[in-house]
Amino acid sequence: MKTYKATFWRGNPQLTNGGYETERIIEAKTIASARKKAREYENCIYGTMTLISIERID
């Protein structure tokens, strides 16, 4: 397994700048499977979460 860092924009209309950037660590065999797992994070209960970038960190 390889380790990837996914960067997201976490939209929140209650904040003055509309949101913030956040990161998640993802373990996957390939970059394509890491992107697929990162897309699952985008389904959040409130606000929005949009994938900005993904990069290998190991």
Protein backbone atom coordinates (compact mmCIF):
# COMPACT_ATOMS: atom_id res chain seq x y z
CA MET A 1 0.00 0.00 0.00
CA LYS A 2 1.10 3.54 -0.78
CA THR A 3 0.18 6.65 1.15
CA TYR A 4 -1.44 9.67 -0.49
CA LYS A 5 -2.41 13.11 0.82
CA ALA A 6 -5.71 14.43 -0.48
CA THR A 7 -6.42 18.16 -0.15
CA PHE A 8 -10.05 19.30 -0.06
CA TRP A 9 -11.92 22.59 0.04
CA ARG A 10 -14.43 22.33 2.87
CA GLY A 11 -17.20 24.79 2.03
CA ASN A 12 -19.12 26.26 4.95
CA PRO A 13 -21.41 29.24 4.29
CA GLN A 14 -21.34 30.18 7.98
CA LEU A 15 -17.67 31.19 7.74
CA THR A 16 -16.72 34.63 6.44
CA ASN A 17 -14.39 33.26 3.73
CA GLY A 18 -16.83 30.50 2.76
CA GLY A 19 -14.74 27.56 3.98
CA TYR A 20 -11.23 26.24 4.47
CA GLU A 21 -8.73 23.69 3.13
CA THR A 22 -8.39 20.35 4.87
CA GLU A 23 -6.29 17.24 4.25
CA ARG A 24 -6.93 13.52 4.56
CA ILE A 25 -4.43 10.67 4.42
CA ILE A 26 -5.45 7.81 2.12
CA GLU A 27 -3.82 4.41 1.69
CA ALA A 28 -4.26 2.82 -1.74
CA LYS A 29 -2.37 0.73 -4.30
CA THR A 30 -2.64 3.22 -7.20
CA ILE A 31 -3.33 6.92 -7.68
CA ALA A 32 -6.60 6.02 -9.43
CA SER A 33 -7.82 4.04 -6.46
CA ALA A 34 -6.70 6.85 -4.12
CA ARG A 35 -8.79 9.32 -6.17
CA LYS A 36 -11.77 6.99 -5.93
CA LYS A 37 -11.43 6.79 -2.14
CA ALA A 38 -10.99 10.58 -1.95
CA ARG A 39 -14.25 11.09 -3.89
CA GLU A 40 -16.04 9.15 -1.13
CA TYR A 41 -15.01 11.90 1.33
CA GLU A 42 -16.86 14.46 -0.81
CA ASN A 43 -20.24 13.10 0.31
CA CYS A 44 -20.65 14.98 3.56
CA ILE A 45 -23.74 15.69 5.60
CA TYR A 46 -23.54 19.49 5.65
CA GLY A 47 -21.68 22.01 3.54
CA THR A 48 -19.54 20.87 0.61
CA MET A 49 -16.21 19.12 0.27
CA THR A 50 -14.39 19.33 -3.08
CA LEU A 51 -11.17 17.51 -3.98
CA ILE A 52 -8.43 20.00 -4.91
CA SER A 53 -5.40 17.73 -5.28
CA ILE A 54 -3.95 14.38 -4.39
CA GLU A 55 -0.25 13.49 -4.10
CA ARG A 56 1.88 10.58 -2.98
CA ILE A 57 3.74 11.20 0.27
CA ASP A 58 5.83 8.05 0.80
